[in-house]
Amino acid sequence: MSIEYLPIVFFLIALFYSSVGFGGGSSYLAILSLFLTDFYEIRSTALILNICVVTIGTLVFIKNRVFNLKMFWPFLVVSIPFAYLGAQVRLSQTSFFLVLGGALILAGIFMLLRFVKKKLESREFSNPKKLLLGGSIGLLSGISGIGGGIFLSPVLNLLKWANPRVVASLASVFILVNSVSGLIGLNVAGTFKLNQELMFKLIIAVVVGGAIGSYLSNKKFNLKFLGVLTGILVLYVGLRLILLHGFGIKI
């Protein structure tokens, strides 16, 4: 695929992911790795695109009064500094993509289980559990270069912590604050790099896709199809990263 088609591909990714409260960072990373050689440029670009997409979703969720800070703050307060620290961890390119691939495979499985398996009984999370879960995923998000909502949301949906729209709003805010924190961490570590010409085109694509996806999400449309499709996409991206960077196999 030519790099000229990237804006179209990223528009579709932003549309799919934002419809379920995600930013799309995992797929941005995987696709950018095919065209860019600088590992840190790939991470920086994915984080900025994440921020563009989930900022729209966050504003829409706040406008529609779905976002609830009293419910969400324990997930956020520890994740922010941990995402900052995780972004400063220096991994080899191979190690980075193997860690990311493994995490995405688990996230994809959890996303699909939400639709094909009977959910567990609803659970009330205590604040210490929220702090622990938020901090752990925040650290992983900083290391991997994505916002972390793609790991948090499937777990909360599977456990019926709240209705899907509330979980999607948490995922959107979670990705936003951790992507900003991770970006600051990259900058402090001196590993923030961008291709400005390409960045401008991709920002336009994901903003348009993210706006449409957020609109669909907040209009209470039946998004099961998009949810399943996103789960399959996440699973494919994770498997592809493992096979490509671990075994040199292209799929």
Protein backbone atom coordinates (compact mmCIF):
# COMPACT_ATOMS: atom_id res chain seq x y z
CA MET A 1 0.00 0.00 0.00
CA SER A 2 1.27 3.46 -0.92
CA ILE A 3 1.76 6.02 1.84
CA GLU A 4 -0.63 8.30 -0.08
CA TYR A 5 -3.55 6.10 1.03
CA LEU A 6 -2.72 6.40 4.74
CA PRO A 7 -5.20 9.26 5.41
CA ILE A 8 -8.07 7.13 4.05
CA VAL A 9 -7.03 4.12 6.12
CA PHE A 10 -6.61 6.24 9.24
CA PHE A 11 -10.02 7.84 8.69
CA LEU A 12 -11.63 4.38 8.77
CA ILE A 13 -9.62 3.32 11.83
CA ALA A 14 -10.63 6.47 13.72
CA LEU A 15 -14.27 5.86 12.76
CA PHE A 16 -14.28 2.27 14.01
CA TYR A 17 -12.35 2.88 17.21
CA SER A 18 -14.06 6.12 18.27
CA SER A 19 -17.47 4.46 17.92
CA VAL A 20 -16.56 2.32 20.95
CA GLY A 21 -14.63 5.00 22.85
CA PHE A 22 -11.09 4.24 21.64
CA GLY A 23 -8.50 6.35 19.85
CA GLY A 24 -7.03 3.77 17.45
CA GLY A 25 -3.44 4.05 18.63
CA SER A 26 -2.76 0.33 18.33
CA SER A 27 -3.61 0.23 14.63
CA TYR A 28 -1.84 3.53 13.96
CA LEU A 29 1.33 2.02 15.43
CA ALA A 30 1.04 -1.16 13.39
CA ILE A 31 0.42 0.61 10.10
CA LEU A 32 2.99 3.35 10.63
CA SER A 33 5.60 0.67 11.30
CA LEU A 34 5.24 -0.35 7.65
CA PHE A 35 6.16 3.11 6.37
CA LEU A 36 8.33 4.83 8.98
CA THR A 37 11.71 3.61 10.13
CA ASP A 38 12.13 5.76 13.24
CA PHE A 39 10.65 3.88 16.18
CA TYR A 40 10.17 7.04 18.27
CA GLU A 41 8.51 8.92 15.41
CA ILE A 42 5.97 6.11 15.19
CA ARG A 43 5.13 6.35 18.91
CA SER A 44 4.93 10.16 18.87
CA THR A 45 2.66 10.19 15.82
CA ALA A 46 0.31 7.56 17.27
CA LEU A 47 -0.04 9.44 20.55
CA ILE A 48 -0.91 12.72 18.83
CA LEU A 49 -3.50 11.03 16.63
CA ASN A 50 -4.95 9.34 19.71
CA ILE A 51 -5.32 12.72 21.39
CA CYS A 52 -7.07 14.21 18.35
CA VAL A 53 -9.64 11.42 18.19
CA VAL A 54 -10.49 11.02 21.87
CA THR A 55 -10.63 14.78 22.54
CA ILE A 56 -13.67 14.89 20.26
CA GLY A 57 -15.23 11.88 21.96
CA THR A 58 -14.52 13.26 25.44
CA LEU A 59 -16.17 16.61 24.63
CA VAL A 60 -19.22 14.85 23.20
CA PHE A 61 -19.52 12.57 26.24
CA ILE A 62 -19.24 15.56 28.60
CA LYS A 63 -21.82 17.51 26.57
CA ASN A 64 -24.23 14.56 26.78
CA ARG A 65 -23.54 14.19 30.53
CA VAL A 66 -22.26 10.64 30.21
CA PHE A 67 -18.89 11.38 31.80
CA ASN A 68 -18.95 11.08 35.62
CA LEU A 69 -15.80 12.30 37.38
CA LYS A 70 -16.88 10.86 40.75
CA MET A 71 -16.92 7.37 39.24
CA PHE A 72 -13.79 7.80 37.14
CA TRP A 73 -11.19 9.71 39.15
CA PRO A 74 -9.62 6.65 40.87
CA PHE A 75 -8.87 5.12 37.47
CA LEU A 76 -7.19 8.33 36.32
CA VAL A 77 -5.22 9.69 39.26
CA VAL A 78 -2.54 6.96 39.31
CA SER A 79 -2.58 6.17 35.59
CA ILE A 80 -1.35 9.65 34.60
CA PRO A 81 2.03 9.57 36.39
CA PHE A 82 2.52 5.92 35.48
CA ALA A 83 1.90 6.65 31.79
CA TYR A 84 4.51 9.41 32.05
CA LEU A 85 7.05 7.02 33.57
CA GLY A 86 6.21 4.25 31.10
CA ALA A 87 6.82 6.57 28.14
CA GLN A 88 10.39 7.08 29.34
CA VAL A 89 11.19 3.36 29.36
CA ARG A 90 13.59 2.64 26.51
CA LEU A 91 12.89 -0.64 24.72
CA SER A 92 14.34 -2.00 21.53
CA GLN A 93 11.98 -1.81 18.57
CA THR A 94 11.53 -5.59 18.58
CA SER A 95 10.76 -5.72 22.32
CA PHE A 96 8.33 -2.83 21.99
CA PHE A 97 6.27 -4.45 19.25
CA LEU A 98 6.26 -7.84 20.99
CA VAL A 99 4.94 -6.26 24.22
CA LEU A 100 2.36 -4.28 22.27
CA GLY A 101 1.32 -7.30 20.19
CA GLY A 102 0.79 -9.51 23.23
CA ALA A 103 -1.25 -6.85 25.00
CA LEU A 104 -3.42 -6.28 21.94
CA ILE A 105 -4.15 -9.98 21.52
CA LEU A 106 -5.47 -10.08 25.10
CA ALA A 107 -7.47 -6.88 24.55
CA GLY A 108 -8.98 -8.24 21.33
CA ILE A 109 -10.00 -11.47 23.05
CA PHE A 110 -11.70 -9.56 25.87
CA MET A 111 -13.50 -7.33 23.37
CA LEU A 112 -14.90 -10.33 21.51
CA LEU A 113 -15.84 -12.17 24.71
CA ARG A 114 -18.13 -9.27 25.48
CA PHE A 115 -20.29 -10.30 22.52
CA VAL A 116 -19.97 -14.10 22.41
CA LYS A 117 -19.79 -15.14 26.06
CA LYS A 118 -22.21 -14.71 28.92
CA LYS A 119 -21.04 -11.82 31.04
CA LEU A 120 -19.92 -12.26 34.60
CA GLU A 121 -21.98 -10.93 37.45
CA SER A 122 -21.88 -7.17 37.88
CA ARG A 123 -19.09 -6.09 40.22
CA GLU A 124 -18.61 -2.97 42.25
CA PHE A 125 -14.98 -1.84 42.17
CA SER A 126 -13.52 -0.43 45.38
CA ASN A 127 -11.28 2.63 45.02
CA PRO A 128 -8.08 0.66 45.76
CA LYS A 129 -8.95 -1.76 42.93
CA LYS A 130 -9.63 1.15 40.60
CA LEU A 131 -6.28 2.71 41.53
CA LEU A 132 -4.45 -0.57 40.95
CA LEU A 133 -6.13 -1.26 37.61
CA GLY A 134 -5.72 2.31 36.40
CA GLY A 135 -2.06 2.47 37.43
CA SER A 136 -1.19 -0.86 35.82
CA ILE A 137 -2.83 0.01 32.52
CA GLY A 138 -1.39 3.53 32.67
CA LEU A 139 2.12 2.08 32.86
CA LEU A 140 1.41 -0.29 29.99
CA SER A 141 -0.05 2.54 27.93
CA GLY A 142 3.05 4.65 28.44
CA ILE A 143 5.37 1.82 27.43
CA SER A 144 3.29 0.82 24.41
CA GLY A 145 2.56 4.31 23.12
CA ILE A 146 -1.23 4.05 23.18
CA GLY A 147 -3.76 5.51 25.59
CA GLY A 148 -4.72 2.34 27.43
CA GLY A 149 -8.48 2.51 27.05
CA ILE A 150 -8.32 -0.46 24.72
CA PHE A 151 -7.11 -2.54 27.68
CA LEU A 152 -9.39 -1.00 30.34
CA SER A 153 -12.71 -0.91 28.49
CA PRO A 154 -13.02 -4.64 27.56
CA VAL A 155 -12.36 -5.71 31.16
CA LEU A 156 -14.96 -3.31 32.59
CA ASN A 157 -17.53 -4.26 29.94
CA LEU A 158 -17.01 -7.97 30.52
CA LEU A 159 -17.48 -7.49 34.28
CA LYS A 160 -20.55 -5.27 33.73
CA TRP A 161 -19.01 -2.48 35.78
CA ALA A 162 -21.32 0.04 34.09
CA ASN A 163 -23.34 0.35 30.88
CA PRO A 164 -21.31 0.39 27.64
CA ARG A 165 -21.72 4.15 27.02
CA VAL A 166 -20.40 5.00 30.50
CA VAL A 167 -17.44 2.64 30.00
CA ALA A 168 -16.79 4.17 26.56
CA SER A 169 -16.73 7.65 28.09
CA LEU A 170 -14.23 6.48 30.73
CA ALA A 171 -12.08 4.87 28.02
CA SER A 172 -12.12 8.09 26.00
CA VAL A 173 -11.00 10.25 28.94
CA PHE A 174 -8.52 7.61 30.10
CA ILE A 175 -6.90 7.57 26.65
CA LEU A 176 -6.81 11.36 26.48
CA VAL A 177 -5.06 11.99 29.81
CA ASN A 178 -2.63 9.09 29.41
CA SER A 179 -1.75 10.01 25.82
CA VAL A 180 -0.97 13.57 26.91
CA SER A 181 1.05 12.25 29.86
CA GLY A 182 2.91 9.81 27.59
CA LEU A 183 3.65 12.55 25.08
CA ILE A 184 5.15 14.70 27.82
CA GLY A 185 7.22 11.71 28.93
CA LEU A 186 8.57 11.23 25.40
CA ASN A 187 9.45 14.91 25.19
CA VAL A 188 11.26 14.90 28.54
CA ALA A 189 13.14 11.75 27.52
CA GLY A 190 14.19 13.43 24.26
CA THR A 191 12.47 10.81 22.10
CA PHE A 192 9.62 12.94 20.67
CA LYS A 193 9.91 13.03 16.85
CA LEU A 194 7.48 13.92 14.06
CA ASN A 195 7.14 14.11 10.29
CA GLN A 196 5.13 17.35 10.17
CA GLU A 197 3.93 17.06 6.57
CA LEU A 198 2.54 13.56 7.08
CA MET A 199 1.22 14.48 10.52
CA PHE A 200 -0.99 17.27 9.15
CA LYS A 201 -2.73 14.95 6.65
CA LEU A 202 -3.29 12.24 9.22
CA ILE A 203 -4.70 14.65 11.80
CA ILE A 204 -7.36 15.82 9.34
CA ALA A 205 -8.29 12.21 8.53
CA VAL A 206 -8.63 11.04 12.13
CA VAL A 207 -10.48 14.16 13.28
CA VAL A 208 -13.17 13.62 10.64
CA GLY A 209 -13.36 9.87 11.33
CA GLY A 210 -13.35 10.42 15.09
CA ALA A 211 -16.15 12.99 14.88
CA ILE A 212 -18.38 10.60 12.92
CA GLY A 213 -17.61 7.67 15.22
CA SER A 214 -18.28 9.72 18.36
CA TYR A 215 -21.58 10.90 16.88
CA LEU A 216 -22.67 7.31 16.24
CA SER A 217 -21.62 6.24 19.74
CA ASN A 218 -23.60 8.98 21.46
CA LYS A 219 -26.73 8.52 19.36
CA LYS A 220 -27.25 5.08 20.91
CA PHE A 221 -27.09 3.23 17.61
CA ASN A 222 -26.61 -0.52 17.75
CA LEU A 223 -22.85 -0.68 17.51
CA LYS A 224 -22.45 -4.43 18.04
CA PHE A 225 -21.24 -4.91 14.47
CA LEU A 226 -18.63 -2.15 14.80
CA GLY A 227 -17.64 -3.51 18.22
CA VAL A 228 -17.04 -7.00 16.85
CA LEU A 229 -15.22 -5.60 13.84
CA THR A 230 -12.99 -3.48 16.08
CA GLY A 231 -12.25 -6.50 18.30
CA ILE A 232 -11.24 -8.56 15.27
CA LEU A 233 -9.08 -5.69 14.01
CA VAL A 234 -7.32 -5.38 17.38
CA LEU A 235 -6.73 -9.14 17.50
CA TYR A 236 -5.35 -9.13 13.95
CA VAL A 237 -3.03 -6.20 14.65
CA GLY A 238 -1.66 -7.90 17.78
CA LEU A 239 -1.11 -11.22 16.00
CA ARG A 240 0.51 -9.49 13.04
CA LEU A 241 2.96 -7.61 15.28
CA ILE A 242 3.96 -10.81 17.10
CA LEU A 243 4.50 -12.79 13.90
CA LEU A 244 6.29 -9.98 12.05
CA HIS A 245 8.62 -8.77 14.78
CA GLY A 246 9.02 -12.07 16.61
CA PHE A 247 9.28 -14.51 13.71
CA GLY A 248 9.63 -12.38 10.58
CA ILE A 249 6.33 -13.67 9.16
CA LYS A 250 4.13 -11.22 7.24
CA ILE A 251 0.35 -11.66 7.18
